[in-house]
Amino acid sequence: MKVSVGGFSFNQAFLNGTMDVFGYLETVRYRYGLSTVDLWNGQFADRSHPLLKLPDREYLKKIRQAMDEKEMTLVNIAIDGAHLWDPDADKREALHKNALEYLDASILLGAKTVRIDTGGRGQSTFSDEELDYVAGRYREYCQIAQENGFTIGPENHMGPSLVPGEMKRLAEAVNHPSYGFLLHMHRWDQDREQGDAIVAPWTVHTHFDAQTAGADDAVETIRMLKKAGYDGYWGVEHHAHKQPYLEVEWMLTTVKHLLLMSEDDNNGEEQV
């Protein structure tokens, strides 16, 4: 099955110093038997810096080497500290420079999909001027992505990205084949019932959390995405505060079961 474990699932272990990025790779590969890596830059960036600055290139090479030794593929990297829109022009430029550095790191690490947020925290829509800026930056990043074999785009994570209609408007404005959406299923501020379907045409990666995996329509959501053409990975992003190894194992099993159910034309009902 095409499943992955988002790095943020072990955030508590990172915070208390019991895991680093190399421990995450070992855990995913040998505890859960996966060959997929679903990184969050908070696993290796300087978290004391507001832009989560990158470590030096030699450290990134060590991460890549560790993945290669384990024959692992970086199916997604979620990048914080590089979002596109901020009302302050100087901060926008700093965020842009940081995004370019992270795109270079994503190339080095061999990412298949990259998430950089829209920005706009605290607002539900973009003005036309803001949309032009954000779409233009994504097109710039998409060109880099196209030249290096990956896709890039936002996640429904903050501000206007939590409004499905705005994300449709943005995708249509970007209009680039290397643009893709990281869908955190059911996490919307508006149109929650239809949100996943609205962004399905652009979805290139997904994240489940405990709430979305336990939703009554979780199987139907998977079926809808498959019908829309989605053939990517189904990621677990479960921020466990206690017993993260067991909690993530439970979530992985739950998601695998949902995927099995989605393949059952009888909706899992036993035929007599």
C-alpha atoms as a PDB file:
ATOM      1  CA  MET A   1       0.000   0.000   0.000  1.00  0.00           C
ATOM      2  CA  LYS A   2       1.129   3.540  -0.747  1.00  0.00           C
ATOM      3  CA  VAL A   3       1.282   4.908   2.805  1.00  0.00           C
ATOM      4  CA  SER A   4       3.655   7.212   4.658  1.00  0.00           C
ATOM      5  CA  VAL A   5       4.191   8.693   8.120  1.00  0.00           C
ATOM      6  CA  GLY A   6       4.423  12.470   8.347  1.00  0.00           C
ATOM      7  CA  GLY A   7       7.359  13.675  10.400  1.00  0.00           C
ATOM      8  CA  PHE A   8       5.143  15.940  12.498  1.00  0.00           C
ATOM      9  CA  SER A   9       3.620  12.767  13.977  1.00  0.00           C
ATOM     10  CA  PHE A  10       6.697  12.582  16.197  1.00  0.00           C
ATOM     11  CA  ASN A  11       6.887  16.268  17.070  1.00  0.00           C
ATOM     12  CA  GLN A  12       6.632  15.558  20.796  1.00  0.00           C
ATOM     13  CA  ALA A  13       9.592  13.182  20.579  1.00  0.00           C
ATOM     14  CA  PHE A  14      11.593  15.866  18.775  1.00  0.00           C
ATOM     15  CA  LEU A  15      10.669  18.441  21.382  1.00  0.00           C
ATOM     16  CA  ASN A  16      11.719  16.262  24.308  1.00  0.00           C
ATOM     17  CA  GLY A  17      14.940  15.217  22.603  1.00  0.00           C
ATOM     18  CA  THR A  18      14.210  11.501  22.225  1.00  0.00           C
ATOM     19  CA  MET A  19      14.190  11.530  18.411  1.00  0.00           C
ATOM     20  CA  ASP A  20      16.058  13.262  15.607  1.00  0.00           C
ATOM     21  CA  VAL A  21      15.598  13.020  11.845  1.00  0.00           C
ATOM     22  CA  PHE A  22      17.814   9.942  11.651  1.00  0.00           C
ATOM     23  CA  GLY A  23      15.809   8.240  14.385  1.00  0.00           C
ATOM     24  CA  TYR A  24      12.670   9.047  12.409  1.00  0.00           C
ATOM     25  CA  LEU A  25      14.126   7.341   9.323  1.00  0.00           C
ATOM     26  CA  GLU A  26      15.088   4.270  11.357  1.00  0.00           C
ATOM     27  CA  THR A  27      11.614   4.149  12.923  1.00  0.00           C
ATOM     28  CA  VAL A  28       9.714   4.416   9.660  1.00  0.00           C
ATOM     29  CA  ARG A  29      11.939   1.929   7.832  1.00  0.00           C
ATOM     30  CA  TYR A  30      12.432  -0.762  10.445  1.00  0.00           C
ATOM     31  CA  ARG A  31       9.587  -0.406  12.944  1.00  0.00           C
ATOM     32  CA  TYR A  32       6.847   0.188  10.377  1.00  0.00           C
ATOM     33  CA  GLY A  33       8.481  -1.434   7.354  1.00  0.00           C
ATOM     34  CA  LEU A  34       7.950   1.531   5.023  1.00  0.00           C
ATOM     35  CA  SER A  35      10.252   2.733   2.257  1.00  0.00           C
ATOM     36  CA  THR A  36       8.595   6.174   2.217  1.00  0.00           C
ATOM     37  CA  VAL A  37       9.757   9.379   3.880  1.00  0.00           C
ATOM     38  CA  ASP A  38       7.260  12.175   4.622  1.00  0.00           C
ATOM     39  CA  LEU A  39       9.453  14.904   6.107  1.00  0.00           C
ATOM     40  CA  TRP A  40       8.602  18.070   7.962  1.00  0.00           C
ATOM     41  CA  ASN A  41      11.401  20.637   7.936  1.00  0.00           C
ATOM     42  CA  GLY A  42      11.013  21.111  11.690  1.00  0.00           C
ATOM     43  CA  GLN A  43      12.778  17.752  11.992  1.00  0.00           C
ATOM     44  CA  PHE A  44      16.115  19.214  10.924  1.00  0.00           C
ATOM     45  CA  ALA A  45      15.822  23.019  10.704  1.00  0.00           C
ATOM     46  CA  ASP A  46      16.801  25.592  13.339  1.00  0.00           C
ATOM     47  CA  ARG A  47      13.507  25.842  15.210  1.00  0.00           C
ATOM     48  CA  SER A  48      14.724  28.825  17.235  1.00  0.00           C
ATOM     49  CA  HIS A  49      14.767  30.912  14.045  1.00  0.00           C
ATOM     50  CA  PRO A  50      11.431  32.411  12.866  1.00  0.00           C
ATOM     51  CA  LEU A  51      12.104  31.173   9.326  1.00  0.00           C
ATOM     52  CA  LEU A  52      13.267  27.714  10.444  1.00  0.00           C
ATOM     53  CA  LYS A  53      16.605  28.169   8.738  1.00  0.00           C
ATOM     54  CA  LEU A  54      18.249  25.211   7.073  1.00  0.00           C
ATOM     55  CA  PRO A  55      21.288  23.412   8.487  1.00  0.00           C
ATOM     56  CA  ASP A  56      24.436  23.400   6.355  1.00  0.00           C
ATOM     57  CA  ARG A  57      24.521  21.441   3.123  1.00  0.00           C
ATOM     58  CA  GLU A  58      26.741  18.712   4.578  1.00  0.00           C
ATOM     59  CA  TYR A  59      24.059  17.864   7.127  1.00  0.00           C
ATOM     60  CA  LEU A  60      21.433  17.657   4.360  1.00  0.00           C
ATOM     61  CA  LYS A  61      23.736  15.310   2.462  1.00  0.00           C
ATOM     62  CA  LYS A  62      23.844  13.059   5.534  1.00  0.00           C
ATOM     63  CA  ILE A  63      20.047  12.901   5.530  1.00  0.00           C
ATOM     64  CA  ARG A  64      20.050  12.006   1.836  1.00  0.00           C
ATOM     65  CA  GLN A  65      22.720   9.371   2.414  1.00  0.00           C
ATOM     66  CA  ALA A  66      20.693   7.840   5.254  1.00  0.00           C
ATOM     67  CA  MET A  67      17.628   7.623   2.995  1.00  0.00           C
ATOM     68  CA  ASP A  68      19.623   6.125   0.132  1.00  0.00           C
ATOM     69  CA  GLU A  69      21.219   3.514   2.397  1.00  0.00           C
ATOM     70  CA  LYS A  70      17.736   2.413   3.471  1.00  0.00           C
ATOM     71  CA  GLU A  71      16.382   2.600  -0.102  1.00  0.00           C
ATOM     72  CA  MET A  72      13.785   5.164   0.935  1.00  0.00           C
ATOM     73  CA  THR A  73      11.926   7.703  -1.222  1.00  0.00           C
ATOM     74  CA  LEU A  74      11.036  11.209  -0.061  1.00  0.00           C
ATOM     75  CA  VAL A  75       7.397  11.327  -1.150  1.00  0.00           C
ATOM     76  CA  ASN A  76       6.782  14.721   0.451  1.00  0.00           C
ATOM     77  CA  ILE A  77       8.501  17.459   2.387  1.00  0.00           C
ATOM     78  CA  ALA A  78       6.308  19.954   4.264  1.00  0.00           C
ATOM     79  CA  ILE A  79       8.119  23.279   4.665  1.00  0.00           C
ATOM     80  CA  ASP A  80       7.223  25.860   7.294  1.00  0.00           C
ATOM     81  CA  GLY A  81       8.865  29.289   7.506  1.00  0.00           C
ATOM     82  CA  ALA A  82       8.691  29.913   3.756  1.00  0.00           C
ATOM     83  CA  HIS A  83       5.044  30.778   3.098  1.00  0.00           C
ATOM     84  CA  LEU A  84       4.285  33.196   0.302  1.00  0.00           C
ATOM     85  CA  TRP A  85       2.021  35.993   1.470  1.00  0.00           C
ATOM     86  CA  ASP A  86       2.765  38.411   4.276  1.00  0.00           C
ATOM     87  CA  PRO A  87       1.516  42.009   4.357  1.00  0.00           C
ATOM     88  CA  ASP A  88       5.036  43.263   5.110  1.00  0.00           C
ATOM     89  CA  ALA A  89       7.053  43.555   1.870  1.00  0.00           C
ATOM     90  CA  ASP A  90      10.420  43.004   3.555  1.00  0.00           C
ATOM     91  CA  LYS A  91       9.187  39.865   5.260  1.00  0.00           C
ATOM     92  CA  ARG A  92       7.739  38.608   1.954  1.00  0.00           C
ATOM     93  CA  GLU A  93      11.159  38.956   0.388  1.00  0.00           C
ATOM     94  CA  ALA A  94      12.831  37.120   3.297  1.00  0.00           C
ATOM     95  CA  LEU A  95      10.265  34.332   3.017  1.00  0.00           C
ATOM     96  CA  HIS A  96      10.890  34.123  -0.739  1.00  0.00           C
ATOM     97  CA  LYS A  97      14.648  33.799  -0.274  1.00  0.00           C
ATOM     98  CA  ASN A  98      14.054  31.116   2.340  1.00  0.00           C
ATOM     99  CA  ALA A  99      11.713  29.261  -0.027  1.00  0.00           C
ATOM    100  CA  LEU A 100      14.378  29.246  -2.748  1.00  0.00           C
ATOM    101  CA  GLU A 101      16.892  27.781  -0.294  1.00  0.00           C
ATOM    102  CA  TYR A 102      14.378  25.100   0.682  1.00  0.00           C
ATOM    103  CA  LEU A 103      13.674  24.289  -2.962  1.00  0.00           C
ATOM    104  CA  ASP A 104      17.393  23.707  -3.440  1.00  0.00           C
ATOM    105  CA  ALA A 105      17.354  21.456  -0.364  1.00  0.00           C
ATOM    106  CA  SER A 106      14.321  19.595  -1.731  1.00  0.00           C
ATOM    107  CA  ILE A 107      16.239  18.882  -4.931  1.00  0.00           C
ATOM    108  CA  LEU A 108      19.222  17.578  -2.960  1.00  0.00           C
ATOM    109  CA  LEU A 109      16.958  15.354  -0.850  1.00  0.00           C
ATOM    110  CA  GLY A 110      15.111  14.010  -3.904  1.00  0.00           C
ATOM    111  CA  ALA A 111      11.603  15.122  -2.947  1.00  0.00           C
ATOM    112  CA  LYS A 112       8.693  14.036  -5.146  1.00  0.00           C
ATOM    113  CA  THR A 113       6.227  16.597  -3.763  1.00  0.00           C
ATOM    114  CA  VAL A 114       6.892  19.794  -1.809  1.00  0.00           C
ATOM    115  CA  ARG A 115       4.496  21.785   0.372  1.00  0.00           C
ATOM    116  CA  ILE A 116       4.986  25.513   0.924  1.00  0.00           C
ATOM    117  CA  ASP A 117       2.037  27.338   2.455  1.00  0.00           C
ATOM    118  CA  THR A 118       0.143  30.237   0.943  1.00  0.00           C
ATOM    119  CA  GLY A 119       0.422  32.488   3.971  1.00  0.00           C
ATOM    120  CA  GLY A 120      -2.329  34.953   4.762  1.00  0.00           C
ATOM    121  CA  ARG A 121      -2.888  33.789   8.314  1.00  0.00           C
ATOM    122  CA  GLY A 122      -5.971  35.402   9.836  1.00  0.00           C
ATOM    123  CA  GLN A 123      -7.721  36.105   6.538  1.00  0.00           C
ATOM    124  CA  SER A 124     -10.145  33.929   4.566  1.00  0.00           C
ATOM    125  CA  THR A 125      -9.631  35.361   1.077  1.00  0.00           C
ATOM    126  CA  PHE A 126      -6.938  36.907  -1.056  1.00  0.00           C
ATOM    127  CA  SER A 127      -7.446  40.261  -2.703  1.00  0.00           C
ATOM    128  CA  ASP A 128      -6.793  40.294  -6.447  1.00  0.00           C
ATOM    129  CA  GLU A 129      -3.390  41.874  -5.805  1.00  0.00           C
ATOM    130  CA  GLU A 130      -2.492  39.232  -3.212  1.00  0.00           C
ATOM    131  CA  LEU A 131      -3.679  36.422  -5.442  1.00  0.00           C
ATOM    132  CA  ASP A 132      -1.563  37.712  -8.331  1.00  0.00           C
ATOM    133  CA  TYR A 133       1.505  37.754  -6.093  1.00  0.00           C
ATOM    134  CA  VAL A 134       0.918  34.295  -4.611  1.00  0.00           C
ATOM    135  CA  ALA A 135       0.073  32.700  -7.969  1.00  0.00           C
ATOM    136  CA  GLY A 136       3.119  34.317  -9.551  1.00  0.00           C
ATOM    137  CA  ARG A 137       5.441  32.981  -6.875  1.00  0.00           C
ATOM    138  CA  TYR A 138       3.978  29.489  -7.203  1.00  0.00           C
ATOM    139  CA  ARG A 139       4.482  29.608 -10.983  1.00  0.00           C
ATOM    140  CA  GLU A 140       8.107  30.577 -10.369  1.00  0.00           C
ATOM    141  CA  TYR A 141       8.537  27.674  -7.959  1.00  0.00           C
ATOM    142  CA  CYS A 142       6.666  25.323 -10.299  1.00  0.00           C
ATOM    143  CA  GLN A 143       9.187  26.044 -13.030  1.00  0.00           C
ATOM    144  CA  ILE A 144      11.977  24.936 -10.692  1.00  0.00           C
ATOM    145  CA  ALA A 145       9.924  21.895  -9.735  1.00  0.00           C
ATOM    146  CA  GLN A 146       9.279  20.960 -13.354  1.00  0.00           C
ATOM    147  CA  GLU A 147      12.982  21.146 -14.172  1.00  0.00           C
ATOM    148  CA  ASN A 148      13.780  18.834 -11.242  1.00  0.00           C
ATOM    149  CA  GLY A 149      10.959  16.280 -11.364  1.00  0.00           C
ATOM    150  CA  PHE A 150       8.683  17.229  -8.476  1.00  0.00           C
ATOM    151  CA  THR A 151       5.463  19.117  -7.786  1.00  0.00           C
ATOM    152  CA  ILE A 152       4.902  22.001  -5.406  1.00  0.00           C
ATOM    153  CA  GLY A 153       1.967  23.759  -3.820  1.00  0.00           C
ATOM    154  CA  PRO A 154       0.164  24.542  -0.565  1.00  0.00           C
ATOM    155  CA  GLU A 155      -1.667  22.558   2.074  1.00  0.00           C
ATOM    156  CA  ASN A 156      -4.978  23.533   3.659  1.00  0.00           C
ATOM    157  CA  HIS A 157      -3.065  24.872   6.615  1.00  0.00           C
ATOM    158  CA  MET A 158      -3.629  28.595   7.224  1.00  0.00           C
ATOM    159  CA  GLY A 159      -5.680  31.585   6.117  1.00  0.00           C
ATOM    160  CA  PRO A 160      -7.216  31.352   2.635  1.00  0.00           C
ATOM    161  CA  SER A 161      -5.831  27.838   2.167  1.00  0.00           C
ATOM    162  CA  LEU A 162      -8.559  26.671   4.561  1.00  0.00           C
ATOM    163  CA  VAL A 163     -11.224  27.828   2.082  1.00  0.00           C
ATOM    164  CA  PRO A 164     -11.722  25.347  -0.806  1.00  0.00           C
ATOM    165  CA  GLY A 165     -13.040  27.948  -3.217  1.00  0.00           C
ATOM    166  CA  GLU A 166      -9.947  30.086  -2.708  1.00  0.00           C
ATOM    167  CA  MET A 167      -7.706  27.088  -3.360  1.00  0.00           C
ATOM    168  CA  LYS A 168      -9.576  26.366  -6.589  1.00  0.00           C
ATOM    169  CA  ARG A 169      -9.183  30.013  -7.593  1.00  0.00           C
ATOM    170  CA  LEU A 170      -5.468  29.853  -6.793  1.00  0.00           C
ATOM    171  CA  ALA A 171      -4.877  26.610  -8.695  1.00  0.00           C
ATOM    172  CA  GLU A 172      -6.603  28.011 -11.760  1.00  0.00           C
ATOM    173  CA  ALA A 173      -4.542  31.200 -11.494  1.00  0.00           C
ATOM    174  CA  VAL A 174      -1.254  29.258 -11.222  1.00  0.00           C
ATOM    175  CA  ASN A 175      -2.225  26.956 -14.108  1.00  0.00           C
ATOM    176  CA  HIS A 176       1.001  24.956 -14.165  1.00  0.00           C
ATOM    177  CA  PRO A 177       1.485  21.178 -14.549  1.00  0.00           C
ATOM    178  CA  SER A 178       3.923  21.051 -11.629  1.00  0.00           C
ATOM    179  CA  TYR A 179       1.487  22.663  -9.212  1.00  0.00           C
ATOM    180  CA  GLY A 180      -0.038  20.276  -6.682  1.00  0.00           C
ATOM    181  CA  PHE A 181      -2.015  20.406  -3.471  1.00  0.00           C
ATOM    182  CA  LEU A 182      -1.271  18.594  -0.203  1.00  0.00           C
ATOM    183  CA  LEU A 183      -4.753  17.706   1.012  1.00  0.00           C
ATOM    184  CA  HIS A 184      -5.117  17.345   4.765  1.00  0.00           C
ATOM    185  CA  MET A 185      -8.474  15.653   4.484  1.00  0.00           C
ATOM    186  CA  HIS A 186     -11.532  17.389   5.979  1.00  0.00           C
ATOM    187  CA  ARG A 187      -9.519  20.294   7.434  1.00  0.00           C
ATOM    188  CA  TRP A 188     -11.517  23.257   6.153  1.00  0.00           C
ATOM    189  CA  ASP A 189     -12.974  26.426   7.632  1.00  0.00           C
ATOM    190  CA  GLN A 190     -15.669  26.586   4.956  1.00  0.00           C
ATOM    191  CA  ASP A 191     -17.468  24.075   2.698  1.00  0.00           C
ATOM    192  CA  ARG A 192     -16.139  21.204   4.782  1.00  0.00           C
ATOM    193  CA  GLU A 193     -18.489  18.689   3.148  1.00  0.00           C
ATOM    194  CA  GLN A 194     -17.287  19.493  -0.384  1.00  0.00           C
ATOM    195  CA  GLY A 195     -13.806  20.829   0.275  1.00  0.00           C
ATOM    196  CA  ASP A 196     -11.857  17.663  -0.472  1.00  0.00           C
ATOM    197  CA  ALA A 197     -13.698  17.148  -3.753  1.00  0.00           C
ATOM    198  CA  ILE A 198     -13.140  20.762  -4.828  1.00  0.00           C
ATOM    199  CA  VAL A 199      -9.338  20.444  -4.606  1.00  0.00           C
ATOM    200  CA  ALA A 200      -9.172  16.795  -5.733  1.00  0.00           C
ATOM    201  CA  PRO A 201      -8.090  17.647  -9.312  1.00  0.00           C
ATOM    202  CA  TRP A 202      -4.864  19.201  -7.989  1.00  0.00           C
ATOM    203  CA  THR A 203      -4.153  16.825  -5.088  1.00  0.00           C
ATOM    204  CA  VAL A 204      -0.694  15.197  -5.200  1.00  0.00           C
ATOM    205  CA  HIS A 205      -0.292  14.109  -1.564  1.00  0.00           C
ATOM    206  CA  THR A 206      -2.583  13.525   1.411  1.00  0.00           C
ATOM    207  CA  HIS A 207      -2.525  13.548   5.202  1.00  0.00           C
ATOM    208  CA  PHE A 208      -4.879  11.795   7.609  1.00  0.00           C
ATOM    209  CA  ASP A 209      -5.187  12.712  11.249  1.00  0.00           C
ATOM    210  CA  ALA A 210      -7.113  10.787  13.924  1.00  0.00           C
ATOM    211  CA  GLN A 211     -10.285  12.787  13.362  1.00  0.00           C
ATOM    212  CA  THR A 212     -10.348  12.448   9.596  1.00  0.00           C
ATOM    213  CA  ALA A 213      -9.400   8.770   9.691  1.00  0.00           C
ATOM    214  CA  GLY A 214     -12.288   8.176  12.091  1.00  0.00           C
ATOM    215  CA  ALA A 215     -14.842  10.109  10.052  1.00  0.00           C
ATOM    216  CA  ASP A 216     -17.900   8.189   8.847  1.00  0.00           C
ATOM    217  CA  ASP A 217     -17.190   9.165   5.249  1.00  0.00           C
ATOM    218  CA  ALA A 218     -13.435   8.405   5.275  1.00  0.00           C
ATOM    219  CA  VAL A 219     -13.779   5.472   2.873  1.00  0.00           C
ATOM    220  CA  GLU A 220     -15.962   7.481   0.515  1.00  0.00           C
ATOM    221  CA  THR A 221     -13.405  10.292   0.558  1.00  0.00           C
ATOM    222  CA  ILE A 222     -10.691   7.847  -0.515  1.00  0.00           C
ATOM    223  CA  ARG A 223     -12.924   6.527  -3.279  1.00  0.00           C
ATOM    224  CA  MET A 224     -13.714  10.052  -4.436  1.00  0.00           C
ATOM    225  CA  LEU A 225     -10.033  10.943  -4.668  1.00  0.00           C
ATOM    226  CA  LYS A 226      -9.217   7.774  -6.565  1.00  0.00           C
ATOM    227  CA  LYS A 227     -12.066   8.444  -8.970  1.00  0.00           C
ATOM    228  CA  ALA A 228     -10.676  11.957  -9.495  1.00  0.00           C
ATOM    229  CA  GLY A 229      -7.384  10.358 -10.561  1.00  0.00           C
ATOM    230  CA  TYR A 230      -5.384  10.491  -7.336  1.00  0.00           C
ATOM    231  CA  ASP A 231      -2.610   7.891  -7.296  1.00  0.00           C
ATOM    232  CA  GLY A 232      -0.305   9.320  -4.642  1.00  0.00           C
ATOM    233  CA  TYR A 233       0.515   8.347  -1.086  1.00  0.00           C
ATOM    234  CA  TRP A 234      -1.813   8.285   1.897  1.00  0.00           C
ATOM    235  CA  GLY A 235       0.057   9.930   4.742  1.00  0.00           C
ATOM    236  CA  VAL A 236      -0.477   9.654   8.481  1.00  0.00           C
ATOM    237  CA  GLU A 237       0.031  12.920  10.346  1.00  0.00           C
ATOM    238  CA  HIS A 238      -0.909  12.109  13.907  1.00  0.00           C
ATOM    239  CA  HIS A 239       0.495  14.400  16.590  1.00  0.00           C
ATOM    240  CA  ALA A 240       0.665  11.917  19.443  1.00  0.00           C
ATOM    241  CA  HIS A 241       1.526  13.393  22.841  1.00  0.00           C
ATOM    242  CA  LYS A 242       1.983  10.018  24.559  1.00  0.00           C
ATOM    243  CA  GLN A 243       3.227   6.675  23.266  1.00  0.00           C
ATOM    244  CA  PRO A 244       3.877   7.992  19.722  1.00  0.00           C
ATOM    245  CA  TYR A 245       5.190   4.679  18.409  1.00  0.00           C
ATOM    246  CA  LEU A 246       1.981   2.882  19.365  1.00  0.00           C
ATOM    247  CA  GLU A 247      -0.267   5.766  18.344  1.00  0.00           C
ATOM    248  CA  VAL A 248       1.297   5.981  14.885  1.00  0.00           C
ATOM    249  CA  GLU A 249       1.113   2.202  14.501  1.00  0.00           C
ATOM    250  CA  TRP A 250      -2.604   2.393  15.295  1.00  0.00           C
ATOM    251  CA  MET A 251      -3.099   5.175  12.769  1.00  0.00           C
ATOM    252  CA  LEU A 252      -1.195   3.313  10.066  1.00  0.00           C
ATOM    253  CA  THR A 253      -3.321   0.217  10.646  1.00  0.00           C
ATOM    254  CA  THR A 254      -6.480   2.327  10.543  1.00  0.00           C
ATOM    255  CA  VAL A 255      -5.516   3.974   7.254  1.00  0.00           C
ATOM    256  CA  LYS A 256      -4.537   0.643   5.704  1.00  0.00           C
ATOM    257  CA  HIS A 257      -7.930  -0.748   6.709  1.00  0.00           C
ATOM    258  CA  LEU A 258      -9.691   2.239   5.157  1.00  0.00           C
ATOM    259  CA  LEU A 259      -7.759   1.688   1.935  1.00  0.00           C
ATOM    260  CA  LEU A 260      -8.803  -1.962   1.905  1.00  0.00           C
ATOM    261  CA  MET A 261     -12.409  -0.972   2.482  1.00  0.00           C
ATOM    262  CA  SER A 262     -12.228   1.520  -0.360  1.00  0.00           C
ATOM    263  CA  GLU A 263     -11.396  -1.329  -2.741  1.00  0.00           C
ATOM    264  CA  ASP A 264     -14.471  -3.303  -1.663  1.00  0.00           C
ATOM    265  CA  ASP A 265     -17.383  -2.701  -4.045  1.00  0.00           C
ATOM    266  CA  ASN A 266     -19.758  -3.936  -1.342  1.00  0.00           C
ATOM    267  CA  ASN A 267     -18.650  -1.276   1.168  1.00  0.00           C
ATOM    268  CA  GLY A 268     -17.200  -3.946   3.425  1.00  0.00           C
ATOM    269  CA  GLU A 269     -20.523  -5.726   3.954  1.00  0.00           C
ATOM    270  CA  GLU A 270     -20.271  -9.487   4.141  1.00  0.00           C
ATOM    271  CA  GLN A 271     -22.367 -11.260   1.549  1.00  0.00           C
ATOM    272  CA  VAL A 272     -24.419 -14.299   2.702  1.00  0.00           C
END
